[in-house]
PDB file of all heavy atoms in Angstrom:
ATOM      1  N   GLU A   1       0.810  -1.247  -0.013  1.00  0.00           N
ATOM      2  CA  GLU A   1      -0.011   0.004  -0.010  1.00  0.00           C
ATOM      3  C   GLU A   1       0.842   1.307  -0.007  1.00  0.00           C
ATOM      4  O   GLU A   1       0.518   2.258  -0.687  1.00  0.00           O
ATOM      5  CB  GLU A   1      -0.936   0.020   1.215  1.00  0.00           C
ATOM      6  CG  GLU A   1      -1.977  -1.114   1.174  1.00  0.00           C
ATOM      7  CD  GLU A   1      -2.837  -1.040   2.424  1.00  0.00           C
ATOM      8  OE1 GLU A   1      -2.365  -0.666   3.550  1.00  0.00           O
ATOM      9  OE2 GLU A   1      -4.050  -1.477   2.301  1.00  0.00           O
ATOM     10  N   ASP A   2       1.935   1.264   0.727  1.00  0.00           N
ATOM     11  CA  ASP A   2       2.712   2.513   0.940  1.00  0.00           C
ATOM     12  C   ASP A   2       3.692   2.753  -0.273  1.00  0.00           C
ATOM     13  O   ASP A   2       4.447   1.874  -0.649  1.00  0.00           O
ATOM     14  CB  ASP A   2       3.538   2.396   2.209  1.00  0.00           C
ATOM     15  CG  ASP A   2       4.333   3.652   2.484  1.00  0.00           C
ATOM     16  OD1 ASP A   2       3.707   4.635   2.942  1.00  0.00           O
ATOM     17  OD2 ASP A   2       5.557   3.637   2.282  1.00  0.00           O
ATOM     18  N   ALA A   3       3.589   3.927  -0.843  1.00  0.00           N
ATOM     19  CA  ALA A   3       4.378   4.235  -2.112  1.00  0.00           C
ATOM     20  C   ALA A   3       5.884   4.231  -1.764  1.00  0.00           C
ATOM     21  O   ALA A   3       6.638   3.711  -2.623  1.00  0.00           O
ATOM     22  CB  ALA A   3       3.990   5.595  -2.611  1.00  0.00           C
ATOM     23  N   SER A   4       6.309   4.728  -0.608  1.00  0.00           N
ATOM     24  CA  SER A   4       7.743   4.729  -0.298  1.00  0.00           C
ATOM     25  C   SER A   4       8.242   3.315  -0.122  1.00  0.00           C
ATOM     26  O   SER A   4       9.397   2.968  -0.456  1.00  0.00           O
ATOM     27  CB  SER A   4       8.010   5.578   0.943  1.00  0.00           C
ATOM     28  OG  SER A   4       7.314   5.012   2.081  1.00  0.00           O
ATOM     29  N   GLN A   5       7.400   2.450   0.441  1.00  0.00           N
ATOM     30  CA  GLN A   5       7.772   1.054   0.610  1.00  0.00           C
ATOM     31  C   GLN A   5       7.903   0.378  -0.780  1.00  0.00           C
ATOM     32  O   GLN A   5       8.852  -0.461  -0.974  1.00  0.00           O
ATOM     33  CB  GLN A   5       6.710   0.294   1.493  1.00  0.00           C
ATOM     34  CG  GLN A   5       7.114  -1.103   1.822  1.00  0.00           C
ATOM     35  CD  GLN A   5       6.089  -1.786   2.656  1.00  0.00           C
ATOM     36  OE1 GLN A   5       5.079  -1.207   3.096  1.00  0.00           O
ATOM     37  NE2 GLN A   5       6.283  -3.069   2.952  1.00  0.00           N
ATOM     38  N   ARG A   6       6.996   0.713  -1.710  1.00  0.00           N
ATOM     39  CA  ARG A   6       7.122   0.131  -3.034  1.00  0.00           C
ATOM     40  C   ARG A   6       8.418   0.571  -3.701  1.00  0.00           C
ATOM     41  O   ARG A   6       9.068  -0.261  -4.361  1.00  0.00           O
ATOM     42  CB  ARG A   6       5.940   0.589  -3.892  1.00  0.00           C
ATOM     43  CG  ARG A   6       4.597  -0.056  -3.462  1.00  0.00           C
ATOM     44  CD  ARG A   6       3.534   0.058  -4.571  1.00  0.00           C
ATOM     45  NE  ARG A   6       3.231   1.409  -4.940  1.00  0.00           N
ATOM     46  CZ  ARG A   6       2.284   2.115  -4.325  1.00  0.00           C
ATOM     47  NH1 ARG A   6       1.638   1.603  -3.360  1.00  0.00           N
ATOM     48  NH2 ARG A   6       2.075   3.310  -4.743  1.00  0.00           N
ATOM     49  N   ASN A   7       8.836   1.816  -3.501  1.00  0.00           N
ATOM     50  CA  ASN A   7      10.078   2.261  -4.112  1.00  0.00           C
ATOM     51  C   ASN A   7      11.278   1.562  -3.533  1.00  0.00           C
ATOM     52  O   ASN A   7      12.264   1.266  -4.267  1.00  0.00           O
ATOM     53  CB  ASN A   7      10.154   3.822  -3.880  1.00  0.00           C
ATOM     54  CG  ASN A   7       9.238   4.613  -4.779  1.00  0.00           C
ATOM     55  OD1 ASN A   7       8.845   4.133  -5.860  1.00  0.00           O
ATOM     56  ND2 ASN A   7       8.841   5.741  -4.302  1.00  0.00           N
ATOM     57  N   SER A   8      11.268   1.249  -2.257  1.00  0.00           N
ATOM     58  CA  SER A   8      12.390   0.593  -1.612  1.00  0.00           C
ATOM     59  C   SER A   8      12.523  -0.863  -2.134  1.00  0.00           C
ATOM     60  O   SER A   8      13.546  -1.507  -1.935  1.00  0.00           O
ATOM     61  CB  SER A   8      12.225   0.661  -0.112  1.00  0.00           C
ATOM     62  OG  SER A   8      11.166  -0.195   0.343  1.00  0.00           O
ATOM     63  N   LEU A   9      11.431  -1.404  -2.665  1.00  0.00           N
ATOM     64  CA  LEU A   9      11.448  -2.800  -3.149  1.00  0.00           C
ATOM     65  C   LEU A   9      11.942  -2.926  -4.614  1.00  0.00           C
ATOM     66  O   LEU A   9      12.216  -4.018  -5.045  1.00  0.00           O
ATOM     67  CB  LEU A   9      10.046  -3.369  -3.041  1.00  0.00           C
ATOM     68  CG  LEU A   9       9.523  -3.697  -1.629  1.00  0.00           C
ATOM     69  CD1 LEU A   9       8.109  -4.029  -1.627  1.00  0.00           C
ATOM     70  CD2 LEU A   9      10.341  -4.892  -1.019  1.00  0.00           C
ATOM     71  N   ARG A  10      12.030  -1.780  -5.283  1.00  0.00           N
ATOM     72  CA  ARG A  10      12.448  -1.848  -6.733  1.00  0.00           C
ATOM     73  C   ARG A  10      13.941  -2.181  -6.799  1.00  0.00           C
ATOM     74  O   ARG A  10      14.768  -1.594  -6.105  1.00  0.00           O
ATOM     75  CB  ARG A  10      12.116  -0.503  -7.414  1.00  0.00           C
ATOM     76  CG  ARG A  10      10.638  -0.202  -7.387  1.00  0.00           C
ATOM     77  CD  ARG A  10      10.367   1.134  -8.128  1.00  0.00           C
ATOM     78  NE  ARG A  10       9.059   1.625  -7.820  1.00  0.00           N
ATOM     79  CZ  ARG A  10       7.971   1.190  -8.466  1.00  0.00           C
ATOM     80  NH1 ARG A  10       8.086   0.281  -9.398  1.00  0.00           N
ATOM     81  NH2 ARG A  10       6.808   1.671  -8.170  1.00  0.00           N
ATOM     82  N   LEU A  11      14.249  -3.054  -7.734  1.00  0.00           N
ATOM     83  CA  LEU A  11      15.627  -3.463  -7.939  1.00  0.00           C
ATOM     84  C   LEU A  11      16.423  -2.369  -8.623  1.00  0.00           C
ATOM     85  O   LEU A  11      15.938  -1.792  -9.651  1.00  0.00           O
ATOM     86  CB  LEU A  11      15.732  -4.774  -8.695  1.00  0.00           C
ATOM     87  CG  LEU A  11      15.173  -5.995  -7.964  1.00  0.00           C
ATOM     88  CD1 LEU A  11      14.796  -7.100  -8.937  1.00  0.00           C
ATOM     89  CD2 LEU A  11      16.179  -6.469  -6.940  1.00  0.00           C
ATOM     90  N   THR A  12      17.602  -2.050  -8.246  1.00  0.00           N
ATOM     91  CA  THR A  12      18.408  -1.029  -8.856  1.00  0.00           C
ATOM     92  C   THR A  12      19.055  -1.654 -10.164  1.00  0.00           C
ATOM     93  O   THR A  12      19.086  -2.841 -10.348  1.00  0.00           O
ATOM     94  CB  THR A  12      19.523  -0.527  -7.953  1.00  0.00           C
ATOM     95  OG1 THR A  12      20.421  -1.624  -7.660  1.00  0.00           O
ATOM     96  CG2 THR A  12      18.942   0.008  -6.616  1.00  0.00           C
ATOM     97  N   GLY A  13      19.648  -0.754 -10.938  1.00  0.00           N
ATOM     98  CA  GLY A  13      20.378  -1.186 -12.166  1.00  0.00           C
ATOM     99  C   GLY A  13      21.472  -2.159 -11.816  1.00  0.00           C
ATOM    100  O   GLY A  13      21.654  -3.171 -12.533  1.00  0.00           O
ATOM    101  N   ASP A  14      22.293  -1.836 -10.817  1.00  0.00           N
ATOM    102  CA  ASP A  14      23.371  -2.743 -10.454  1.00  0.00           C
ATOM    103  C   ASP A  14      22.856  -4.081  -9.925  1.00  0.00           C
ATOM    104  O   ASP A  14      23.450  -5.139 -10.219  1.00  0.00           O
ATOM    105  CB  ASP A  14      24.213  -2.097  -9.333  1.00  0.00           C
ATOM    106  CG  ASP A  14      25.047  -0.935  -9.885  1.00  0.00           C
ATOM    107  OD1 ASP A  14      25.267  -0.876 -11.098  1.00  0.00           O
ATOM    108  OD2 ASP A  14      25.485  -0.103  -9.073  1.00  0.00           O
ATOM    109  N   GLN A  15      21.740  -4.070  -9.205  1.00  0.00           N
ATOM    110  CA  GLN A  15      21.200  -5.339  -8.753  1.00  0.00           C
ATOM    111  C   GLN A  15      20.647  -6.180  -9.887  1.00  0.00           C
ATOM    112  O   GLN A  15      20.799  -7.374  -9.864  1.00  0.00           O
ATOM    113  CB  GLN A  15      20.083  -5.060  -7.690  1.00  0.00           C
ATOM    114  CG  GLN A  15      20.610  -4.552  -6.353  1.00  0.00           C
ATOM    115  CD  GLN A  15      19.517  -4.024  -5.449  1.00  0.00           C
ATOM    116  OE1 GLN A  15      18.424  -3.623  -5.920  1.00  0.00           O
ATOM    117  NE2 GLN A  15      19.785  -4.009  -4.155  1.00  0.00           N
ATOM    118  N   LEU A  16      20.087  -5.536 -10.822  1.00  0.00           N
ATOM    119  CA  LEU A  16      19.535  -6.244 -12.035  1.00  0.00           C
ATOM    120  C   LEU A  16      20.709  -6.870 -12.807  1.00  0.00           C
ATOM    121  O   LEU A  16      20.586  -8.017 -13.314  1.00  0.00           O
ATOM    122  CB  LEU A  16      18.767  -5.292 -12.955  1.00  0.00           C
ATOM    123  CG  LEU A  16      17.385  -4.899 -12.416  1.00  0.00           C
ATOM    124  CD1 LEU A  16      16.789  -3.780 -13.281  1.00  0.00           C
ATOM    125  CD2 LEU A  16      16.438  -6.110 -12.418  1.00  0.00           C
ATOM    126  N   LYS A  17      21.801  -6.157 -12.927  1.00  0.00           N
ATOM    127  CA  LYS A  17      23.012  -6.709 -13.608  1.00  0.00           C
ATOM    128  C   LYS A  17      23.566  -7.934 -12.884  1.00  0.00           C
ATOM    129  O   LYS A  17      23.880  -8.948 -13.464  1.00  0.00           O
ATOM    130  CB  LYS A  17      24.083  -5.633 -13.745  1.00  0.00           C
ATOM    131  CG  LYS A  17      23.788  -4.498 -14.672  1.00  0.00           C
ATOM    132  CD  LYS A  17      24.892  -3.496 -14.666  1.00  0.00           C
ATOM    133  CE  LYS A  17      24.570  -2.299 -15.613  1.00  0.00           C
ATOM    134  NZ  LYS A  17      25.623  -1.239 -15.555  1.00  0.00           N
ATOM    135  N   LYS A  18      23.596  -7.825 -11.571  1.00  0.00           N
ATOM    136  CA  LYS A  18      24.081  -8.973 -10.788  1.00  0.00           C
ATOM    137  C   LYS A  18      23.102 -10.138 -10.890  1.00  0.00           C
ATOM    138  O   LYS A  18      23.582 -11.312 -11.019  1.00  0.00           O
ATOM    139  CB  LYS A  18      24.132  -8.518  -9.299  1.00  0.00           C
ATOM    140  CG  LYS A  18      24.633  -9.593  -8.365  1.00  0.00           C
ATOM    141  CD  LYS A  18      24.717  -9.129  -6.913  1.00  0.00           C
ATOM    142  CE  LYS A  18      25.835  -8.080  -6.762  1.00  0.00           C
ATOM    143  NZ  LYS A  18      26.008  -7.677  -5.307  1.00  0.00           N
ATOM    144  N   LEU A  19      21.779  -9.871 -10.884  1.00  0.00           N
ATOM    145  CA  LEU A  19      20.808 -10.919 -11.039  1.00  0.00           C
ATOM    146  C   LEU A  19      20.946 -11.636 -12.356  1.00  0.00           C
ATOM    147  O   LEU A  19      20.850 -12.832 -12.393  1.00  0.00           O
ATOM    148  CB  LEU A  19      19.383 -10.346 -10.920  1.00  0.00           C
ATOM    149  CG  LEU A  19      18.723 -10.292  -9.540  1.00  0.00           C
ATOM    150  CD1 LEU A  19      17.321  -9.736  -9.697  1.00  0.00           C
ATOM    151  CD2 LEU A  19      18.674 -11.714  -8.961  1.00  0.00           C
ATOM    152  N   LYS A  20      21.158 -10.871 -13.414  1.00  0.00           N
ATOM    153  CA  LYS A  20      21.262 -11.500 -14.720  1.00  0.00           C
ATOM    154  C   LYS A  20      22.453 -12.477 -14.803  1.00  0.00           C
ATOM    155  O   LYS A  20      22.331 -13.562 -15.337  1.00  0.00           O
ATOM    156  CB  LYS A  20      21.372 -10.421 -15.845  1.00  0.00           C
ATOM    157  CG  LYS A  20      21.293 -10.943 -17.237  1.00  0.00           C
ATOM    158  CD  LYS A  20      21.241  -9.917 -18.285  1.00  0.00           C
ATOM    159  CE  LYS A  20      20.973 -10.493 -19.652  1.00  0.00           C
ATOM    160  NZ  LYS A  20      21.708 -11.681 -19.969  1.00  0.00           N
ATOM    161  N   ILE A  21      23.558 -12.047 -14.240  1.00  0.00           N
ATOM    162  CA  ILE A  21      24.720 -12.997 -14.215  1.00  0.00           C
ATOM    163  C   ILE A  21      24.377 -14.254 -13.387  1.00  0.00           C
ATOM    164  O   ILE A  21      24.721 -15.318 -13.835  1.00  0.00           O
ATOM    165  CB  ILE A  21      25.947 -12.222 -13.595  1.00  0.00           C
ATOM    166  CG1 ILE A  21      26.336 -11.082 -14.509  1.00  0.00           C
ATOM    167  CG2 ILE A  21      27.090 -13.186 -13.325  1.00  0.00           C
ATOM    168  CD1 ILE A  21      27.361 -10.119 -13.890  1.00  0.00           C
ATOM    169  N   LEU A  22      23.701 -14.049 -12.244  1.00  0.00           N
ATOM    170  CA  LEU A  22      23.315 -15.194 -11.455  1.00  0.00           C
ATOM    171  C   LEU A  22      22.412 -16.166 -12.146  1.00  0.00           C
ATOM    172  O   LEU A  22      22.624 -17.376 -12.190  1.00  0.00           O
ATOM    173  CB  LEU A  22      22.627 -14.713 -10.166  1.00  0.00           C
ATOM    174  CG  LEU A  22      23.441 -14.078  -9.060  1.00  0.00           C
ATOM    175  CD1 LEU A  22      22.573 -13.644  -7.934  1.00  0.00           C
ATOM    176  CD2 LEU A  22      24.490 -15.131  -8.539  1.00  0.00           C
ATOM    177  N   PHE A  23      21.398 -15.599 -12.872  1.00  0.00           N
ATOM    178  CA  PHE A  23      20.446 -16.474 -13.490  1.00  0.00           C
ATOM    179  C   PHE A  23      21.028 -17.058 -14.798  1.00  0.00           C
ATOM    180  O   PHE A  23      20.568 -18.133 -15.256  1.00  0.00           O
ATOM    181  CB  PHE A  23      19.125 -15.698 -13.795  1.00  0.00           C
ATOM    182  CG  PHE A  23      18.207 -15.640 -12.598  1.00  0.00           C
ATOM    183  CD1 PHE A  23      18.130 -14.508 -11.803  1.00  0.00           C
ATOM    184  CD2 PHE A  23      17.488 -16.750 -12.204  1.00  0.00           C
ATOM    185  CE1 PHE A  23      17.329 -14.435 -10.680  1.00  0.00           C
ATOM    186  CE2 PHE A  23      16.641 -16.713 -11.077  1.00  0.00           C
ATOM    187  CZ  PHE A  23      16.596 -15.580 -10.340  1.00  0.00           C
ATOM    188  N   ASP A  24      21.932 -16.349 -15.485  1.00  0.00           N
ATOM    189  CA  ASP A  24      22.515 -16.925 -16.672  1.00  0.00           C
ATOM    190  C   ASP A  24      23.492 -17.982 -16.367  1.00  0.00           C
ATOM    191  O   ASP A  24      23.722 -18.906 -17.225  1.00  0.00           O
ATOM    192  CB  ASP A  24      23.224 -15.791 -17.417  1.00  0.00           C
ATOM    193  CG  ASP A  24      22.293 -14.879 -18.180  1.00  0.00           C
ATOM    194  OD1 ASP A  24      21.100 -15.277 -18.296  1.00  0.00           O
ATOM    195  OD2 ASP A  24      22.679 -13.831 -18.698  1.00  0.00           O
ATOM    196  N   HIS A  25      24.101 -18.032 -15.196  1.00  0.00           N
ATOM    197  CA  HIS A  25      25.144 -18.969 -14.891  1.00  0.00           C
ATOM    198  C   HIS A  25      24.846 -19.884 -13.711  1.00  0.00           C
ATOM    199  O   HIS A  25      24.593 -21.087 -13.835  1.00  0.00           O
ATOM    200  CB  HIS A  25      26.472 -18.216 -14.712  1.00  0.00           C
ATOM    201  CG  HIS A  25      26.879 -17.408 -15.892  1.00  0.00           C
ATOM    202  ND1 HIS A  25      27.357 -17.981 -17.047  1.00  0.00           N
ATOM    203  CD2 HIS A  25      26.828 -16.060 -16.143  1.00  0.00           C
ATOM    204  CE1 HIS A  25      27.601 -17.051 -18.003  1.00  0.00           C
ATOM    205  NE2 HIS A  25      27.271 -15.864 -17.417  1.00  0.00           N
ATOM    206  N   GLN A  26      24.918 -19.355 -12.487  1.00  0.00           N
ATOM    207  CA  GLN A  26      24.836 -20.205 -11.303  1.00  0.00           C
ATOM    208  C   GLN A  26      23.440 -20.738 -11.045  1.00  0.00           C
ATOM    209  O   GLN A  26      23.292 -21.905 -10.581  1.00  0.00           O
ATOM    210  CB  GLN A  26      25.269 -19.361 -10.100  1.00  0.00           C
ATOM    211  CG  GLN A  26      26.761 -19.088 -10.095  1.00  0.00           C
ATOM    212  CD  GLN A  26      27.177 -18.075  -8.995  1.00  0.00           C
ATOM    213  OE1 GLN A  26      27.042 -16.864  -9.183  1.00  0.00           O
ATOM    214  NE2 GLN A  26      27.607 -18.659  -7.843  1.00  0.00           N
TER     215      GLN A  26
END
């Protein structure tokens, strides 16, 4: 419900890059 809480849950660009490497390999 809380907009600030929703923003804190969004993945940053660096986190998305790290995730892609994780899912592509490990």
